[in-house]
Amino acid sequence: MGQRLAPNFAIAFMFKVESPVLSRGPLLCCRYIDDCLIICSTQEEMNRHTITAACVNLYQRDICYPSLVD
């Protein structure tokens, strides 16, 4: 029974994560359920998004964010 609610919980959680990112205006931000792809124009802009991702880890320590491409 809980599996039916899992996509809705994922969408609600990702909305909370995605909102501050979208407010900064990345070039591209795509999401499918609980996966995100964010493309920014500069490394500095991406670093600002990394701070947002670090804040999410305060709630879910097992979430891993892959390294950025330099």
PDB file of N, CA and C in Angstrom:
ATOM      1  N   MET A   1       0.820  -1.196   0.000  1.00  0.00           N
ATOM      2  CA  MET A   1       0.000   0.000   0.000  1.00  0.00           C
ATOM      3  C   MET A   1       0.861   1.255   0.000  1.00  0.00           C
ATOM      4  N   GLY A   2       1.964   1.264   0.715  1.00  0.00           N
ATOM      5  CA  GLY A   2       2.828   2.430   0.774  1.00  0.00           C
ATOM      6  C   GLY A   2       3.488   2.751  -0.551  1.00  0.00           C
ATOM      7  N   GLN A   3       3.625   1.737  -1.410  1.00  0.00           N
ATOM      8  CA  GLN A   3       4.286   1.957  -2.691  1.00  0.00           C
ATOM      9  C   GLN A   3       3.485   2.881  -3.592  1.00  0.00           C
ATOM     10  N   ARG A   4       2.195   2.922  -3.428  1.00  0.00           N
ATOM     11  CA  ARG A   4       1.383   3.810  -4.252  1.00  0.00           C
ATOM     12  C   ARG A   4       1.649   5.273  -3.910  1.00  0.00           C
ATOM     13  N   LEU A   5       2.027   5.543  -2.679  1.00  0.00           N
ATOM     14  CA  LEU A   5       2.293   6.917  -2.262  1.00  0.00           C
ATOM     15  C   LEU A   5       3.731   7.347  -2.519  1.00  0.00           C
ATOM     16  N   ALA A   6       4.616   6.404  -2.770  1.00  0.00           N
ATOM     17  CA  ALA A   6       6.036   6.723  -2.930  1.00  0.00           C
ATOM     18  C   ALA A   6       6.296   7.770  -4.018  1.00  0.00           C
ATOM     19  N   PRO A   7       5.708   7.670  -5.208  1.00  0.00           N
ATOM     20  CA  PRO A   7       5.958   8.712  -6.212  1.00  0.00           C
ATOM     21  C   PRO A   7       5.494  10.095  -5.759  1.00  0.00           C
ATOM     22  N   ASN A   8       4.371  10.154  -5.052  1.00  0.00           N
ATOM     23  CA  ASN A   8       3.889  11.448  -4.572  1.00  0.00           C
ATOM     24  C   ASN A   8       4.823  12.047  -3.532  1.00  0.00           C
ATOM     25  N   PHE A   9       5.348  11.209  -2.642  1.00  0.00           N
ATOM     26  CA  PHE A   9       6.303  11.700  -1.650  1.00  0.00           C
ATOM     27  C   PHE A   9       7.592  12.165  -2.329  1.00  0.00           C
ATOM     28  N   ALA A  10       8.033  11.430  -3.344  1.00  0.00           N
ATOM     29  CA  ALA A  10       9.244  11.822  -4.074  1.00  0.00           C
ATOM     30  C   ALA A  10       9.045  13.161  -4.766  1.00  0.00           C
ATOM     31  N   ILE A  11       7.891  13.360  -5.371  1.00  0.00           N
ATOM     32  CA  ILE A  11       7.599  14.622  -6.047  1.00  0.00           C
ATOM     33  C   ILE A  11       7.562  15.769  -5.044  1.00  0.00           C
ATOM     34  N   ALA A  12       6.929  15.566  -3.901  1.00  0.00           N
ATOM     35  CA  ALA A  12       6.861  16.612  -2.875  1.00  0.00           C
ATOM     36  C   ALA A  12       8.252  16.946  -2.343  1.00  0.00           C
ATOM     37  N   PHE A  13       9.071  15.934  -2.097  1.00  0.00           N
ATOM     38  CA  PHE A  13      10.424  16.157  -1.592  1.00  0.00           C
ATOM     39  C   PHE A  13      11.268  16.895  -2.623  1.00  0.00           C
ATOM     40  N   MET A  14      11.201  16.463  -3.880  1.00  0.00           N
ATOM     41  CA  MET A  14      12.009  17.094  -4.916  1.00  0.00           C
ATOM     42  C   MET A  14      11.545  18.520  -5.197  1.00  0.00           C
ATOM     43  N   PHE A  15      10.263  18.802  -5.020  1.00  0.00           N
ATOM     44  CA  PHE A  15       9.786  20.174  -5.172  1.00  0.00           C
ATOM     45  C   PHE A  15      10.460  21.077  -4.151  1.00  0.00           C
ATOM     46  N   LYS A  16      10.589  20.577  -2.929  1.00  0.00           N
ATOM     47  CA  LYS A  16      11.248  21.340  -1.860  1.00  0.00           C
ATOM     48  C   LYS A  16      12.719  21.581  -2.202  1.00  0.00           C
ATOM     49  N   VAL A  17      13.374  20.599  -2.790  1.00  0.00           N
ATOM     50  CA  VAL A  17      14.782  20.724  -3.179  1.00  0.00           C
ATOM     51  C   VAL A  17      14.920  21.614  -4.415  1.00  0.00           C
ATOM     52  N   GLU A  18      14.014  21.453  -5.351  1.00  0.00           N
ATOM     53  CA  GLU A  18      14.122  22.102  -6.652  1.00  0.00           C
ATOM     54  C   GLU A  18      13.778  23.591  -6.619  1.00  0.00           C
ATOM     55  N   SER A  19      12.913  24.012  -5.734  1.00  0.00           N
ATOM     56  CA  SER A  19      12.461  25.404  -5.705  1.00  0.00           C
ATOM     57  C   SER A  19      13.597  26.416  -5.580  1.00  0.00           C
ATOM     58  N   PRO A  20      14.530  26.262  -4.612  1.00  0.00           N
ATOM     59  CA  PRO A  20      15.623  27.235  -4.537  1.00  0.00           C
ATOM     60  C   PRO A  20      16.539  27.193  -5.762  1.00  0.00           C
ATOM     61  N   VAL A  21      16.669  26.039  -6.371  1.00  0.00           N
ATOM     62  CA  VAL A  21      17.516  25.914  -7.559  1.00  0.00           C
ATOM     63  C   VAL A  21      16.882  26.663  -8.726  1.00  0.00           C
ATOM     64  N   LEU A  22      15.601  26.473  -8.935  1.00  0.00           N
ATOM     65  CA  LEU A  22      14.916  27.133 -10.047  1.00  0.00           C
ATOM     66  C   LEU A  22      14.866  28.643  -9.877  1.00  0.00           C
ATOM     67  N   SER A  23      14.839  29.120  -8.637  1.00  0.00           N
ATOM     68  CA  SER A  23      14.801  30.564  -8.403  1.00  0.00           C
ATOM     69  C   SER A  23      16.100  31.241  -8.832  1.00  0.00           C
ATOM     70  N   ARG A  24      17.179  30.465  -8.973  1.00  0.00           N
ATOM     71  CA  ARG A  24      18.470  31.023  -9.399  1.00  0.00           C
ATOM     72  C   ARG A  24      18.642  31.005 -10.915  1.00  0.00           C
ATOM     73  N   GLY A  25      17.710  30.429 -11.620  1.00  0.00           N
ATOM     74  CA  GLY A  25      17.708  30.464 -13.077  1.00  0.00           C
ATOM     75  C   GLY A  25      18.817  29.702 -13.782  1.00  0.00           C
ATOM     76  N   PRO A  26      18.917  28.378 -13.583  1.00  0.00           N
ATOM     77  CA  PRO A  26      19.918  27.608 -14.329  1.00  0.00           C
ATOM     78  C   PRO A  26      19.550  27.535 -15.810  1.00  0.00           C
ATOM     79  N   LEU A  27      20.520  27.184 -16.644  1.00  0.00           N
ATOM     80  CA  LEU A  27      20.246  27.042 -18.076  1.00  0.00           C
ATOM     81  C   LEU A  27      19.236  25.936 -18.336  1.00  0.00           C
ATOM     82  N   LEU A  28      19.372  24.834 -17.598  1.00  0.00           N
ATOM     83  CA  LEU A  28      18.482  23.691 -17.763  1.00  0.00           C
ATOM     84  C   LEU A  28      18.317  22.986 -16.429  1.00  0.00           C
ATOM     85  N   CYS A  29      17.098  22.635 -16.111  1.00  0.00           N
ATOM     86  CA  CYS A  29      16.828  21.848 -14.910  1.00  0.00           C
ATOM     87  C   CYS A  29      15.754  20.828 -15.272  1.00  0.00           C
ATOM     88  N   CYS A  30      16.137  19.562 -15.326  1.00  0.00           N
ATOM     89  CA  CYS A  30      15.212  18.480 -15.664  1.00  0.00           C
ATOM     90  C   CYS A  30      15.066  17.559 -14.463  1.00  0.00           C
ATOM     91  N   ARG A  31      13.870  17.044 -14.284  1.00  0.00           N
ATOM     92  CA  ARG A  31      13.631  16.129 -13.166  1.00  0.00           C
ATOM     93  C   ARG A  31      12.733  14.995 -13.629  1.00  0.00           C
ATOM     94  N   TYR A  32      13.049  13.792 -13.168  1.00  0.00           N
ATOM     95  CA  TYR A  32      12.185  12.633 -13.354  1.00  0.00           C
ATOM     96  C   TYR A  32      12.087  11.930 -12.011  1.00  0.00           C
ATOM     97  N   ILE A  33      10.930  11.954 -11.400  1.00  0.00           N
ATOM     98  CA  ILE A  33      10.659  11.418 -10.069  1.00  0.00           C
ATOM     99  C   ILE A  33      11.660  11.991  -9.069  1.00  0.00           C
ATOM    100  N   ASP A  34      12.728  11.270  -8.742  1.00  0.00           N
ATOM    101  CA  ASP A  34      13.652  11.775  -7.717  1.00  0.00           C
ATOM    102  C   ASP A  34      15.067  11.997  -8.248  1.00  0.00           C
ATOM    103  N   ASP A  35      15.213  12.137  -9.568  1.00  0.00           N
ATOM    104  CA  ASP A  35      16.514  12.418 -10.177  1.00  0.00           C
ATOM    105  C   ASP A  35      16.486  13.804 -10.804  1.00  0.00           C
ATOM    106  N   CYS A  36      17.580  14.548 -10.653  1.00  0.00           N
ATOM    107  CA  CYS A  36      17.677  15.899 -11.212  1.00  0.00           C
ATOM    108  C   CYS A  36      18.903  16.023 -12.099  1.00  0.00           C
ATOM    109  N   LEU A  37      18.780  16.838 -13.138  1.00  0.00           N
ATOM    110  CA  LEU A  37      19.911  17.246 -13.957  1.00  0.00           C
ATOM    111  C   LEU A  37      19.860  18.761 -14.019  1.00  0.00           C
ATOM    112  N   ILE A  38      20.937  19.404 -13.576  1.00  0.00           N
ATOM    113  CA  ILE A  38      20.996  20.864 -13.569  1.00  0.00           C
ATOM    114  C   ILE A  38      22.217  21.283 -14.372  1.00  0.00           C
ATOM    115  N   ILE A  39      22.015  22.170 -15.352  1.00  0.00           N
ATOM    116  CA  ILE A  39      23.114  22.704 -16.149  1.00  0.00           C
ATOM    117  C   ILE A  39      23.153  24.208 -15.929  1.00  0.00           C
ATOM    118  N   CYS A  40      24.328  24.690 -15.538  1.00  0.00           N
ATOM    119  CA  CYS A  40      24.529  26.108 -15.258  1.00  0.00           C
ATOM    120  C   CYS A  40      25.549  26.683 -16.233  1.00  0.00           C
ATOM    121  N   SER A  41      25.562  28.009 -16.357  1.00  0.00           N
ATOM    122  CA  SER A  41      26.477  28.652 -17.299  1.00  0.00           C
ATOM    123  C   SER A  41      27.889  28.813 -16.745  1.00  0.00           C
ATOM    124  N   THR A  42      28.048  28.876 -15.423  1.00  0.00           N
ATOM    125  CA  THR A  42      29.382  29.053 -14.832  1.00  0.00           C
ATOM    126  C   THR A  42      29.585  28.110 -13.652  1.00  0.00           C
ATOM    127  N   GLN A  43      30.838  27.872 -13.315  1.00  0.00           N
ATOM    128  CA  GLN A  43      31.164  27.052 -12.147  1.00  0.00           C
ATOM    129  C   GLN A  43      30.692  27.740 -10.867  1.00  0.00           C
ATOM    130  N   GLU A  44      30.793  29.058 -10.824  1.00  0.00           N
ATOM    131  CA  GLU A  44      30.348  29.811  -9.641  1.00  0.00           C
ATOM    132  C   GLU A  44      28.861  29.592  -9.380  1.00  0.00           C
ATOM    133  N   GLU A  45      28.074  29.622 -10.443  1.00  0.00           N
ATOM    134  CA  GLU A  45      26.639  29.382 -10.304  1.00  0.00           C
ATOM    135  C   GLU A  45      26.377  27.960  -9.804  1.00  0.00           C
ATOM    136  N   MET A  46      27.122  26.995 -10.321  1.00  0.00           N
ATOM    137  CA  MET A  46      26.946  25.615  -9.879  1.00  0.00           C
ATOM    138  C   MET A  46      27.329  25.464  -8.414  1.00  0.00           C
ATOM    139  N   ASN A  47      28.354  26.188  -7.976  1.00  0.00           N
ATOM    140  CA  ASN A  47      28.751  26.139  -6.570  1.00  0.00           C
ATOM    141  C   ASN A  47      27.632  26.634  -5.665  1.00  0.00           C
ATOM    142  N   ARG A  48      26.876  27.618  -6.112  1.00  0.00           N
ATOM    143  CA  ARG A  48      25.738  28.098  -5.313  1.00  0.00           C
ATOM    144  C   ARG A  48      24.679  27.005  -5.186  1.00  0.00           C
ATOM    145  N   HIS A  49      24.480  26.220  -6.242  1.00  0.00           N
ATOM    146  CA  HIS A  49      23.529  25.108  -6.178  1.00  0.00           C
ATOM    147  C   HIS A  49      24.044  24.003  -5.270  1.00  0.00           C
ATOM    148  N   THR A  50      25.355  23.835  -5.208  1.00  0.00           N
ATOM    149  CA  THR A  50      25.947  22.816  -4.344  1.00  0.00           C
ATOM    150  C   THR A  50      25.642  23.109  -2.886  1.00  0.00           C
ATOM    151  N   ILE A  51      25.606  24.384  -2.526  1.00  0.00           N
ATOM    152  CA  ILE A  51      25.248  24.763  -1.154  1.00  0.00           C
ATOM    153  C   ILE A  51      23.825  24.316  -0.847  1.00  0.00           C
ATOM    154  N   THR A  52      22.914  24.493  -1.800  1.00  0.00           N
ATOM    155  CA  THR A  52      21.535  24.029  -1.615  1.00  0.00           C
ATOM    156  C   THR A  52      21.506  22.519  -1.431  1.00  0.00           C
ATOM    157  N   ALA A  53      22.277  21.793  -2.224  1.00  0.00           N
ATOM    158  CA  ALA A  53      22.322  20.331  -2.113  1.00  0.00           C
ATOM    159  C   ALA A  53      22.880  19.911  -0.761  1.00  0.00           C
ATOM    160  N   ALA A  54      23.860  20.632  -0.256  1.00  0.00           N
ATOM    161  CA  ALA A  54      24.430  20.305   1.057  1.00  0.00           C
ATOM    162  C   ALA A  54      23.394  20.486   2.153  1.00  0.00           C
ATOM    163  N   CYS A  55      22.521  21.469   2.014  1.00  0.00           N
ATOM    164  CA  CYS A  55      21.461  21.686   3.009  1.00  0.00           C
ATOM    165  C   CYS A  55      20.483  20.523   3.027  1.00  0.00           C
ATOM    166  N   VAL A  56      20.213  19.925   1.873  1.00  0.00           N
ATOM    167  CA  VAL A  56      19.322  18.770   1.812  1.00  0.00           C
ATOM    168  C   VAL A  56      19.929  17.611   2.586  1.00  0.00           C
ATOM    169  N   ASN A  57      21.244  17.470   2.522  1.00  0.00           N
ATOM    170  CA  ASN A  57      21.907  16.372   3.218  1.00  0.00           C
ATOM    171  C   ASN A  57      21.775  16.477   4.726  1.00  0.00           C
ATOM    172  N   LEU A  58      21.392  17.619   5.262  1.00  0.00           N
ATOM    173  CA  LEU A  58      21.143  17.732   6.697  1.00  0.00           C
ATOM    174  C   LEU A  58      19.958  16.862   7.104  1.00  0.00           C
ATOM    175  N   TYR A  59      19.015  16.662   6.174  1.00  0.00           N
ATOM    176  CA  TYR A  59      17.822  15.878   6.461  1.00  0.00           C
ATOM    177  C   TYR A  59      17.994  14.414   6.078  1.00  0.00           C
ATOM    178  N   GLN A  60      18.660  14.168   4.975  1.00  0.00           N
ATOM    179  CA  GLN A  60      18.846  12.808   4.461  1.00  0.00           C
ATOM    180  C   GLN A  60      20.330  12.556   4.264  1.00  0.00           C
ATOM    181  N   ARG A  61      21.007  12.062   5.271  1.00  0.00           N
ATOM    182  CA  ARG A  61      22.462  11.878   5.200  1.00  0.00           C
ATOM    183  C   ARG A  61      22.872  10.798   4.197  1.00  0.00           C
ATOM    184  N   ASP A  62      21.965   9.890   3.835  1.00  0.00           N
ATOM    185  CA  ASP A  62      22.331   8.829   2.902  1.00  0.00           C
ATOM    186  C   ASP A  62      22.216   9.251   1.438  1.00  0.00           C
ATOM    187  N   ILE A  63      21.742  10.472   1.172  1.00  0.00           N
ATOM    188  CA  ILE A  63      21.650  10.968  -0.196  1.00  0.00           C
ATOM    189  C   ILE A  63      23.050  11.357  -0.662  1.00  0.00           C
ATOM    190  N   CYS A  64      23.413  10.929  -1.854  1.00  0.00           N
ATOM    191  CA  CYS A  64      24.740  11.214  -2.396  1.00  0.00           C
ATOM    192  C   CYS A  64      24.594  12.059  -3.655  1.00  0.00           C
ATOM    193  N   TYR A  65      25.368  13.119  -3.754  1.00  0.00           N
ATOM    194  CA  TYR A  65      25.385  13.959  -4.944  1.00  0.00           C
ATOM    195  C   TYR A  65      26.690  13.711  -5.686  1.00  0.00           C
ATOM    196  N   PRO A  66      26.628  13.322  -6.949  1.00  0.00           N
ATOM    197  CA  PRO A  66      27.855  13.042  -7.691  1.00  0.00           C
ATOM    198  C   PRO A  66      28.709  14.295  -7.849  1.00  0.00           C
ATOM    199  N   SER A  67      29.984  14.092  -8.111  1.00  0.00           N
ATOM    200  CA  SER A  67      30.913  15.202  -8.316  1.00  0.00           C
ATOM    201  C   SER A  67      30.523  15.991  -9.551  1.00  0.00           C
ATOM    202  N   LEU A  68      30.908  17.240  -9.541  1.00  0.00           N
ATOM    203  CA  LEU A  68      30.615  18.121 -10.659  1.00  0.00           C
ATOM    204  C   LEU A  68      31.680  17.961 -11.732  1.00  0.00           C
ATOM    205  N   VAL A  69      31.302  18.233 -12.974  1.00  0.00           N
ATOM    206  CA  VAL A  69      32.247  18.191 -14.085  1.00  0.00           C
ATOM    207  C   VAL A  69      32.933  19.539 -14.160  1.00  0.00           C
ATOM    208  N   ASP A  70      34.262  19.538 -14.125  1.00  0.00           N
ATOM    209  CA  ASP A  70      35.021  20.800 -14.230  1.00  0.00           C
ATOM    210  C   ASP A  70      35.411  21.079 -15.657  1.00  0.00           C
TER     211      ASP A  70
END
